[in-house]
Amino acid sequence: MKTFPKKSNTGKFGVVGAVAASAIAVSLFASSGTDVQNAADQAVQVELTTVTESMNAQLPAMLDANTRLESTAALQGRVFEYRLTMVGMERPPRRYEIVDEARPKVVKAYRAAADMQEMREMEVTVRYVYSDEAGKEIVCFEVGPEDL
């Protein structure tokens, strides 16, 4: 009867150890990527907050005969918000009227305007919130990296 050599315990632990080391390395790599992403998100948030503070010091301001920019906000998740009011109109425009007229213009600006270059580079989504003179929200839409 032939006997097989006894397997050593070091072989078992070698495989288990290698698997464990691989799992640890993968989790460390994944969390370091998350840390880098979090740092990048925080840097963008600081930049957006600075822009918001600077702009809000000059607001409200009329953009055209019927649109007043009330304020801006730096929101979580790389979102920069413009709050606008429709003024001096017999009746405020309907939701679809604003979207049909304004959204193509802001998409075009987001894609190509020099003053939007930093927003594109930082992959910021720009949110536009339009309200009537009574403060009731008419429409909210976003333009961002997915529109490039």
N, C-alpha and C. Protein backbone atom coordinates (compact mmCIF):
# COMPACT_ATOMS: atom_id res chain seq x y z
N MET A 1 0.84 -1.16 0.00
CA MET A 1 0.00 0.00 0.00
C MET A 1 0.89 1.23 0.00
N LYS A 2 0.57 2.10 -0.93
CA LYS A 2 1.36 3.30 -1.09
C LYS A 2 0.77 4.41 -0.23
N THR A 3 1.61 5.11 0.46
CA THR A 3 1.12 6.23 1.26
C THR A 3 1.56 7.54 0.61
N PHE A 4 0.72 8.48 0.72
CA PHE A 4 1.03 9.80 0.17
C PHE A 4 1.73 10.63 1.23
N PRO A 5 2.63 11.46 0.77
CA PRO A 5 3.32 12.30 1.76
C PRO A 5 2.32 13.24 2.43
N LYS A 6 2.56 13.47 3.68
CA LYS A 6 1.70 14.34 4.45
C LYS A 6 1.88 15.78 3.96
N LYS A 7 0.78 16.49 3.74
CA LYS A 7 0.87 17.89 3.33
C LYS A 7 1.22 18.70 4.55
N SER A 8 2.06 19.65 4.32
CA SER A 8 2.45 20.48 5.45
C SER A 8 1.41 21.57 5.68
N ASN A 9 1.32 22.00 6.91
CA ASN A 9 0.40 23.09 7.26
C ASN A 9 0.84 24.41 6.65
N THR A 10 2.12 24.54 6.39
CA THR A 10 2.59 25.80 5.82
C THR A 10 2.03 26.01 4.43
N GLY A 11 1.80 24.95 3.70
CA GLY A 11 1.20 25.07 2.37
C GLY A 11 -0.21 25.62 2.45
N LYS A 12 -1.01 25.13 3.39
CA LYS A 12 -2.38 25.62 3.55
C LYS A 12 -2.39 27.09 3.91
N PHE A 13 -1.56 27.44 4.87
CA PHE A 13 -1.54 28.82 5.30
C PHE A 13 -0.95 29.72 4.23
N GLY A 14 -0.10 29.16 3.40
CA GLY A 14 0.46 29.95 2.31
C GLY A 14 -0.62 30.39 1.35
N VAL A 15 -1.51 29.47 0.97
CA VAL A 15 -2.61 29.81 0.06
C VAL A 15 -3.59 30.73 0.75
N VAL A 16 -3.98 30.37 1.98
CA VAL A 16 -4.92 31.20 2.73
C VAL A 16 -4.32 32.58 2.96
N GLY A 17 -3.05 32.60 3.30
CA GLY A 17 -2.37 33.88 3.52
C GLY A 17 -2.33 34.73 2.27
N ALA A 18 -2.07 34.08 1.13
CA ALA A 18 -2.03 34.82 -0.14
C ALA A 18 -3.41 35.39 -0.49
N VAL A 19 -4.44 34.59 -0.27
CA VAL A 19 -5.80 35.06 -0.53
C VAL A 19 -6.14 36.22 0.39
N ALA A 20 -5.80 36.06 1.67
CA ALA A 20 -6.09 37.13 2.64
C ALA A 20 -5.32 38.40 2.28
N ALA A 21 -4.07 38.25 1.91
CA ALA A 21 -3.26 39.42 1.54
C ALA A 21 -3.84 40.10 0.30
N SER A 22 -4.30 39.30 -0.65
CA SER A 22 -4.92 39.87 -1.85
C SER A 22 -6.18 40.64 -1.50
N ALA A 23 -7.00 40.06 -0.63
CA ALA A 23 -8.24 40.73 -0.23
C ALA A 23 -7.94 42.04 0.48
N ILE A 24 -6.94 42.04 1.34
CA ILE A 24 -6.56 43.26 2.05
C ILE A 24 -6.03 44.30 1.06
N ALA A 25 -5.21 43.87 0.13
CA ALA A 25 -4.65 44.80 -0.86
C ALA A 25 -5.76 45.42 -1.70
N VAL A 26 -6.71 44.60 -2.13
CA VAL A 26 -7.82 45.12 -2.93
C VAL A 26 -8.63 46.12 -2.12
N SER A 27 -8.92 45.81 -0.85
CA SER A 27 -9.72 46.74 -0.05
C SER A 27 -8.95 48.03 0.23
N LEU A 28 -7.65 47.93 0.45
CA LEU A 28 -6.84 49.14 0.64
C LEU A 28 -6.80 49.97 -0.62
N PHE A 29 -6.65 49.35 -1.77
CA PHE A 29 -6.63 50.05 -3.05
C PHE A 29 -7.97 50.73 -3.29
N ALA A 30 -9.05 50.02 -3.02
CA ALA A 30 -10.39 50.59 -3.23
C ALA A 30 -10.62 51.76 -2.30
N SER A 31 -10.23 51.62 -1.04
CA SER A 31 -10.46 52.73 -0.11
C SER A 31 -9.55 53.90 -0.41
N SER A 32 -8.33 53.66 -0.92
CA SER A 32 -7.46 54.78 -1.27
C SER A 32 -8.04 55.51 -2.47
N GLY A 33 -8.67 54.81 -3.39
CA GLY A 33 -9.35 55.46 -4.51
C GLY A 33 -10.51 56.31 -4.01
N THR A 34 -11.22 55.80 -3.02
CA THR A 34 -12.33 56.54 -2.43
C THR A 34 -11.81 57.79 -1.74
N ASP A 35 -10.68 57.64 -1.03
CA ASP A 35 -10.09 58.80 -0.36
C ASP A 35 -9.69 59.86 -1.37
N VAL A 36 -9.10 59.44 -2.48
CA VAL A 36 -8.71 60.39 -3.53
C VAL A 36 -9.94 61.07 -4.09
N GLN A 37 -10.99 60.28 -4.34
CA GLN A 37 -12.24 60.85 -4.86
C GLN A 37 -12.84 61.82 -3.87
N ASN A 38 -12.87 61.45 -2.59
CA ASN A 38 -13.41 62.34 -1.56
C ASN A 38 -12.62 63.63 -1.49
N ALA A 39 -11.30 63.56 -1.59
CA ALA A 39 -10.46 64.76 -1.57
C ALA A 39 -10.77 65.64 -2.78
N ALA A 40 -10.94 65.02 -3.94
CA ALA A 40 -11.28 65.78 -5.15
C ALA A 40 -12.64 66.43 -5.00
N ASP A 41 -13.62 65.69 -4.47
CA ASP A 41 -14.96 66.25 -4.26
C ASP A 41 -14.92 67.41 -3.27
N GLN A 42 -14.11 67.27 -2.22
CA GLN A 42 -13.99 68.35 -1.23
C GLN A 42 -13.34 69.58 -1.85
N ALA A 43 -12.35 69.38 -2.70
CA ALA A 43 -11.69 70.52 -3.37
C ALA A 43 -12.68 71.24 -4.28
N VAL A 44 -13.48 70.47 -5.00
CA VAL A 44 -14.51 71.08 -5.87
C VAL A 44 -15.52 71.82 -5.00
N GLN A 45 -15.94 71.23 -3.89
CA GLN A 45 -16.91 71.89 -3.00
C GLN A 45 -16.36 73.22 -2.49
N VAL A 46 -15.09 73.26 -2.13
CA VAL A 46 -14.48 74.51 -1.65
C VAL A 46 -14.49 75.55 -2.76
N GLU A 47 -14.13 75.14 -3.96
CA GLU A 47 -14.12 76.06 -5.11
C GLU A 47 -15.53 76.59 -5.39
N LEU A 48 -16.52 75.72 -5.40
CA LEU A 48 -17.90 76.15 -5.66
C LEU A 48 -18.41 77.08 -4.56
N THR A 49 -18.06 76.80 -3.33
CA THR A 49 -18.46 77.65 -2.22
C THR A 49 -17.86 79.05 -2.35
N THR A 50 -16.60 79.12 -2.77
CA THR A 50 -15.93 80.41 -2.98
C THR A 50 -16.65 81.20 -4.08
N VAL A 51 -16.97 80.53 -5.18
CA VAL A 51 -17.69 81.19 -6.28
C VAL A 51 -19.05 81.67 -5.81
N THR A 52 -19.75 80.83 -5.06
CA THR A 52 -21.07 81.18 -4.54
C THR A 52 -21.01 82.44 -3.68
N GLU A 53 -20.07 82.47 -2.76
CA GLU A 53 -19.94 83.63 -1.87
C GLU A 53 -19.65 84.90 -2.65
N SER A 54 -18.78 84.81 -3.63
CA SER A 54 -18.44 85.96 -4.47
C SER A 54 -19.64 86.45 -5.27
N MET A 55 -20.35 85.51 -5.90
CA MET A 55 -21.50 85.89 -6.72
C MET A 55 -22.64 86.44 -5.86
N ASN A 56 -22.95 85.77 -4.76
CA ASN A 56 -24.07 86.18 -3.93
C ASN A 56 -23.88 87.59 -3.36
N ALA A 57 -22.64 88.03 -3.21
CA ALA A 57 -22.37 89.38 -2.72
C ALA A 57 -22.85 90.43 -3.73
N GLN A 58 -23.03 90.03 -5.00
CA GLN A 58 -23.44 90.96 -6.05
C GLN A 58 -24.90 90.76 -6.47
N LEU A 59 -25.62 89.91 -5.78
CA LEU A 59 -26.99 89.58 -6.18
C LEU A 59 -27.99 90.15 -5.21
N PRO A 60 -29.24 90.34 -5.65
CA PRO A 60 -29.84 89.95 -6.92
C PRO A 60 -29.41 90.88 -8.06
N ALA A 61 -29.54 90.34 -9.27
CA ALA A 61 -29.19 91.10 -10.48
C ALA A 61 -30.09 90.68 -11.62
N MET A 62 -30.52 91.65 -12.40
CA MET A 62 -31.35 91.36 -13.57
C MET A 62 -30.47 90.81 -14.68
N LEU A 63 -30.87 89.68 -15.26
CA LEU A 63 -30.14 89.09 -16.38
C LEU A 63 -30.72 89.57 -17.70
N ASP A 64 -32.02 89.78 -17.71
CA ASP A 64 -32.71 90.37 -18.87
C ASP A 64 -33.99 91.01 -18.33
N ALA A 65 -34.87 91.47 -19.21
CA ALA A 65 -36.07 92.19 -18.78
C ALA A 65 -36.97 91.38 -17.86
N ASN A 66 -36.93 90.06 -17.95
CA ASN A 66 -37.85 89.23 -17.17
C ASN A 66 -37.19 88.20 -16.27
N THR A 67 -35.88 88.20 -16.16
CA THR A 67 -35.21 87.18 -15.37
C THR A 67 -34.24 87.83 -14.38
N ARG A 68 -34.47 87.55 -13.10
CA ARG A 68 -33.60 88.07 -12.05
C ARG A 68 -32.88 86.90 -11.40
N LEU A 69 -31.57 86.98 -11.33
CA LEU A 69 -30.77 85.98 -10.62
C LEU A 69 -30.77 86.37 -9.16
N GLU A 70 -31.39 85.52 -8.34
CA GLU A 70 -31.55 85.80 -6.91
C GLU A 70 -30.33 85.39 -6.10
N SER A 71 -29.88 84.16 -6.33
CA SER A 71 -28.78 83.63 -5.53
C SER A 71 -28.19 82.40 -6.21
N THR A 72 -27.05 81.99 -5.69
CA THR A 72 -26.41 80.75 -6.12
C THR A 72 -26.14 79.91 -4.88
N ALA A 73 -25.91 78.62 -5.09
CA ALA A 73 -25.60 77.73 -3.97
C ALA A 73 -24.66 76.64 -4.44
N ALA A 74 -23.75 76.27 -3.57
CA ALA A 74 -22.86 75.13 -3.81
C ALA A 74 -23.45 73.95 -3.04
N LEU A 75 -23.96 72.98 -3.78
CA LEU A 75 -24.61 71.83 -3.17
C LEU A 75 -23.68 70.61 -3.20
N GLN A 76 -23.97 69.65 -2.35
CA GLN A 76 -23.17 68.42 -2.32
C GLN A 76 -23.26 67.68 -3.64
N GLY A 77 -22.24 66.93 -3.95
CA GLY A 77 -22.25 66.12 -5.17
C GLY A 77 -21.89 66.90 -6.41
N ARG A 78 -21.07 67.94 -6.26
CA ARG A 78 -20.62 68.74 -7.41
C ARG A 78 -21.79 69.39 -8.16
N VAL A 79 -22.67 70.01 -7.41
CA VAL A 79 -23.82 70.69 -8.00
C VAL A 79 -23.74 72.17 -7.64
N PHE A 80 -23.85 73.01 -8.67
CA PHE A 80 -23.89 74.46 -8.51
C PHE A 80 -25.28 74.92 -8.93
N GLU A 81 -25.96 75.64 -8.05
CA GLU A 81 -27.36 75.99 -8.30
C GLU A 81 -27.53 77.49 -8.52
N TYR A 82 -28.29 77.82 -9.55
CA TYR A 82 -28.73 79.19 -9.80
C TYR A 82 -30.21 79.26 -9.44
N ARG A 83 -30.60 80.24 -8.62
CA ARG A 83 -32.01 80.48 -8.29
C ARG A 83 -32.43 81.75 -9.00
N LEU A 84 -33.43 81.60 -9.89
CA LEU A 84 -33.87 82.71 -10.72
C LEU A 84 -35.35 82.99 -10.51
N THR A 85 -35.74 84.25 -10.71
CA THR A 85 -37.14 84.63 -10.61
C THR A 85 -37.58 85.27 -11.91
N MET A 86 -38.74 84.85 -12.37
CA MET A 86 -39.36 85.45 -13.56
C MET A 86 -40.17 86.65 -13.06
N VAL A 87 -39.88 87.85 -13.58
CA VAL A 87 -40.52 89.07 -13.08
C VAL A 87 -41.16 89.86 -14.21
N GLY A 88 -42.09 90.75 -13.82
CA GLY A 88 -42.69 91.70 -14.74
C GLY A 88 -43.48 91.08 -15.87
N MET A 89 -44.10 89.96 -15.62
CA MET A 89 -44.87 89.28 -16.66
C MET A 89 -46.32 89.18 -16.21
N GLU A 90 -47.25 89.30 -17.17
CA GLU A 90 -48.66 89.14 -16.83
C GLU A 90 -48.92 87.79 -16.20
N ARG A 91 -48.38 86.79 -16.83
CA ARG A 91 -48.44 85.44 -16.27
C ARG A 91 -47.06 84.82 -16.42
N PRO A 92 -46.60 84.13 -15.40
CA PRO A 92 -45.29 83.49 -15.53
C PRO A 92 -45.34 82.41 -16.61
N PRO A 93 -44.23 82.19 -17.26
CA PRO A 93 -44.22 81.14 -18.29
C PRO A 93 -44.48 79.77 -17.67
N ARG A 94 -44.97 78.89 -18.50
CA ARG A 94 -45.19 77.52 -18.05
C ARG A 94 -43.85 76.79 -18.03
N ARG A 95 -43.87 75.72 -17.30
CA ARG A 95 -42.65 74.90 -17.13
C ARG A 95 -42.02 74.57 -18.47
N TYR A 96 -42.79 74.02 -19.40
CA TYR A 96 -42.24 73.59 -20.68
C TYR A 96 -41.72 74.76 -21.50
N GLU A 97 -42.32 75.96 -21.31
CA GLU A 97 -41.85 77.13 -22.06
C GLU A 97 -40.43 77.51 -21.63
N ILE A 98 -40.18 77.45 -20.34
CA ILE A 98 -38.83 77.77 -19.84
C ILE A 98 -37.85 76.72 -20.31
N VAL A 99 -38.22 75.46 -20.14
CA VAL A 99 -37.32 74.37 -20.54
C VAL A 99 -37.03 74.44 -22.04
N ASP A 100 -38.08 74.64 -22.85
CA ASP A 100 -37.90 74.69 -24.30
C ASP A 100 -37.02 75.85 -24.74
N GLU A 101 -37.13 76.99 -24.04
CA GLU A 101 -36.34 78.16 -24.43
C GLU A 101 -34.97 78.20 -23.76
N ALA A 102 -34.92 77.98 -22.47
CA ALA A 102 -33.68 78.17 -21.72
C ALA A 102 -32.72 77.00 -21.78
N ARG A 103 -33.23 75.79 -21.69
CA ARG A 103 -32.32 74.63 -21.60
C ARG A 103 -31.38 74.51 -22.79
N PRO A 104 -31.84 74.64 -24.04
CA PRO A 104 -30.88 74.55 -25.15
C PRO A 104 -29.77 75.60 -25.07
N LYS A 105 -30.10 76.78 -24.58
CA LYS A 105 -29.10 77.84 -24.45
C LYS A 105 -28.06 77.51 -23.39
N VAL A 106 -28.53 76.99 -22.25
CA VAL A 106 -27.57 76.68 -21.19
C VAL A 106 -26.75 75.43 -21.51
N VAL A 107 -27.34 74.49 -22.25
CA VAL A 107 -26.56 73.32 -22.69
C VAL A 107 -25.45 73.79 -23.62
N LYS A 108 -25.79 74.66 -24.56
CA LYS A 108 -24.79 75.20 -25.50
C LYS A 108 -23.69 75.94 -24.73
N ALA A 109 -24.09 76.75 -23.77
CA ALA A 109 -23.10 77.48 -22.96
C ALA A 109 -22.24 76.52 -22.16
N TYR A 110 -22.84 75.50 -21.57
CA TYR A 110 -22.08 74.53 -20.77
C TYR A 110 -21.04 73.83 -21.65
N ARG A 111 -21.42 73.51 -22.87
CA ARG A 111 -20.51 72.79 -23.77
C ARG A 111 -19.36 73.65 -24.26
N ALA A 112 -19.59 74.95 -24.47
CA ALA A 112 -18.60 75.73 -25.21
C ALA A 112 -18.16 77.04 -24.58
N ALA A 113 -18.93 77.63 -23.69
CA ALA A 113 -18.61 78.96 -23.18
C ALA A 113 -17.33 78.94 -22.34
N ALA A 114 -16.51 79.94 -22.55
CA ALA A 114 -15.25 80.04 -21.81
C ALA A 114 -15.49 80.16 -20.32
N ASP A 115 -16.54 80.88 -19.92
CA ASP A 115 -16.79 81.06 -18.49
C ASP A 115 -17.36 79.81 -17.82
N MET A 116 -17.66 78.79 -18.61
CA MET A 116 -18.12 77.52 -18.05
C MET A 116 -17.03 76.45 -18.08
N GLN A 117 -15.86 76.81 -18.57
CA GLN A 117 -14.77 75.83 -18.72
C GLN A 117 -14.43 75.15 -17.40
N GLU A 118 -14.31 75.93 -16.32
CA GLU A 118 -13.97 75.32 -15.03
C GLU A 118 -15.05 74.35 -14.57
N MET A 119 -16.31 74.70 -14.83
CA MET A 119 -17.40 73.80 -14.44
C MET A 119 -17.26 72.47 -15.19
N ARG A 120 -16.95 72.57 -16.48
CA ARG A 120 -16.77 71.34 -17.27
C ARG A 120 -15.59 70.53 -16.74
N GLU A 121 -14.47 71.20 -16.48
CA GLU A 121 -13.27 70.51 -16.01
C GLU A 121 -13.49 69.84 -14.66
N MET A 122 -14.27 70.48 -13.79
CA MET A 122 -14.53 69.92 -12.46
C MET A 122 -15.71 68.95 -12.47
N GLU A 123 -16.32 68.73 -13.65
CA GLU A 123 -17.47 67.84 -13.81
C GLU A 123 -18.62 68.23 -12.88
N VAL A 124 -18.93 69.53 -12.90
CA VAL A 124 -19.99 70.08 -12.08
C VAL A 124 -21.30 70.04 -12.84
N THR A 125 -22.36 69.67 -12.15
CA THR A 125 -23.71 69.77 -12.68
C THR A 125 -24.26 71.12 -12.26
N VAL A 126 -24.85 71.84 -13.21
CA VAL A 126 -25.41 73.15 -12.93
C VAL A 126 -26.93 73.02 -12.91
N ARG A 127 -27.51 73.41 -11.80
CA ARG A 127 -28.97 73.33 -11.62
C ARG A 127 -29.56 74.73 -11.75
N TYR A 128 -30.65 74.83 -12.50
CA TYR A 128 -31.36 76.09 -12.70
C TYR A 128 -32.75 75.94 -12.08
N VAL A 129 -33.06 76.80 -11.12
CA VAL A 129 -34.35 76.75 -10.45
C VAL A 129 -35.06 78.08 -10.72
N TYR A 130 -36.15 78.01 -11.48
CA TYR A 130 -36.93 79.19 -11.84
C TYR A 130 -38.18 79.26 -10.97
N SER A 131 -38.47 80.46 -10.44
CA SER A 131 -39.66 80.68 -9.63
C SER A 131 -40.42 81.89 -10.16
N ASP A 132 -41.70 81.99 -9.75
CA ASP A 132 -42.46 83.19 -10.10
C ASP A 132 -42.20 84.25 -9.03
N GLU A 133 -42.82 85.42 -9.20
CA GLU A 133 -42.58 86.53 -8.27
C GLU A 133 -43.07 86.23 -6.86
N ALA A 134 -44.00 85.31 -6.73
CA ALA A 134 -44.50 84.94 -5.41
C ALA A 134 -43.58 83.93 -4.72
N GLY A 135 -42.55 83.46 -5.43
CA GLY A 135 -41.62 82.50 -4.86
C GLY A 135 -41.97 81.06 -5.14
N LYS A 136 -43.04 80.84 -5.89
CA LYS A 136 -43.44 79.47 -6.22
C LYS A 136 -42.56 78.93 -7.35
N GLU A 137 -41.97 77.76 -7.11
CA GLU A 137 -41.10 77.17 -8.13
C GLU A 137 -41.90 76.79 -9.38
N ILE A 138 -41.36 77.22 -10.52
CA ILE A 138 -41.98 76.88 -11.80
C ILE A 138 -41.34 75.63 -12.37
N VAL A 139 -40.01 75.63 -12.40
CA VAL A 139 -39.29 74.51 -12.98
C VAL A 139 -37.86 74.46 -12.44
N CYS A 140 -37.33 73.27 -12.45
CA CYS A 140 -35.93 73.03 -12.06
C CYS A 140 -35.37 72.04 -13.09
N PHE A 141 -34.22 72.40 -13.68
CA PHE A 141 -33.57 71.45 -14.58
C PHE A 141 -32.06 71.57 -14.41
N GLU A 142 -31.36 70.55 -14.86
CA GLU A 142 -29.90 70.49 -14.69
C GLU A 142 -29.20 70.29 -16.02
N VAL A 143 -27.99 70.80 -16.07
CA VAL A 143 -27.09 70.61 -17.21
C VAL A 143 -25.76 70.20 -16.61
N GLY A 144 -25.14 69.17 -17.21
CA GLY A 144 -23.88 68.72 -16.63
C GLY A 144 -23.06 67.89 -17.58
N PRO A 145 -22.11 67.17 -17.02
CA PRO A 145 -21.18 66.37 -17.85
C PRO A 145 -21.88 65.43 -18.82
N GLU A 146 -23.05 64.96 -18.45
CA GLU A 146 -23.79 64.04 -19.34
C GLU A 146 -24.30 64.75 -20.58
N ASP A 147 -24.28 66.09 -20.59
CA ASP A 147 -24.76 66.86 -21.75
C ASP A 147 -23.63 67.22 -22.71
N LEU A 148 -22.42 66.81 -22.41
CA LEU A 148 -21.29 67.15 -23.28
C LEU A 148 -21.29 66.32 -24.55
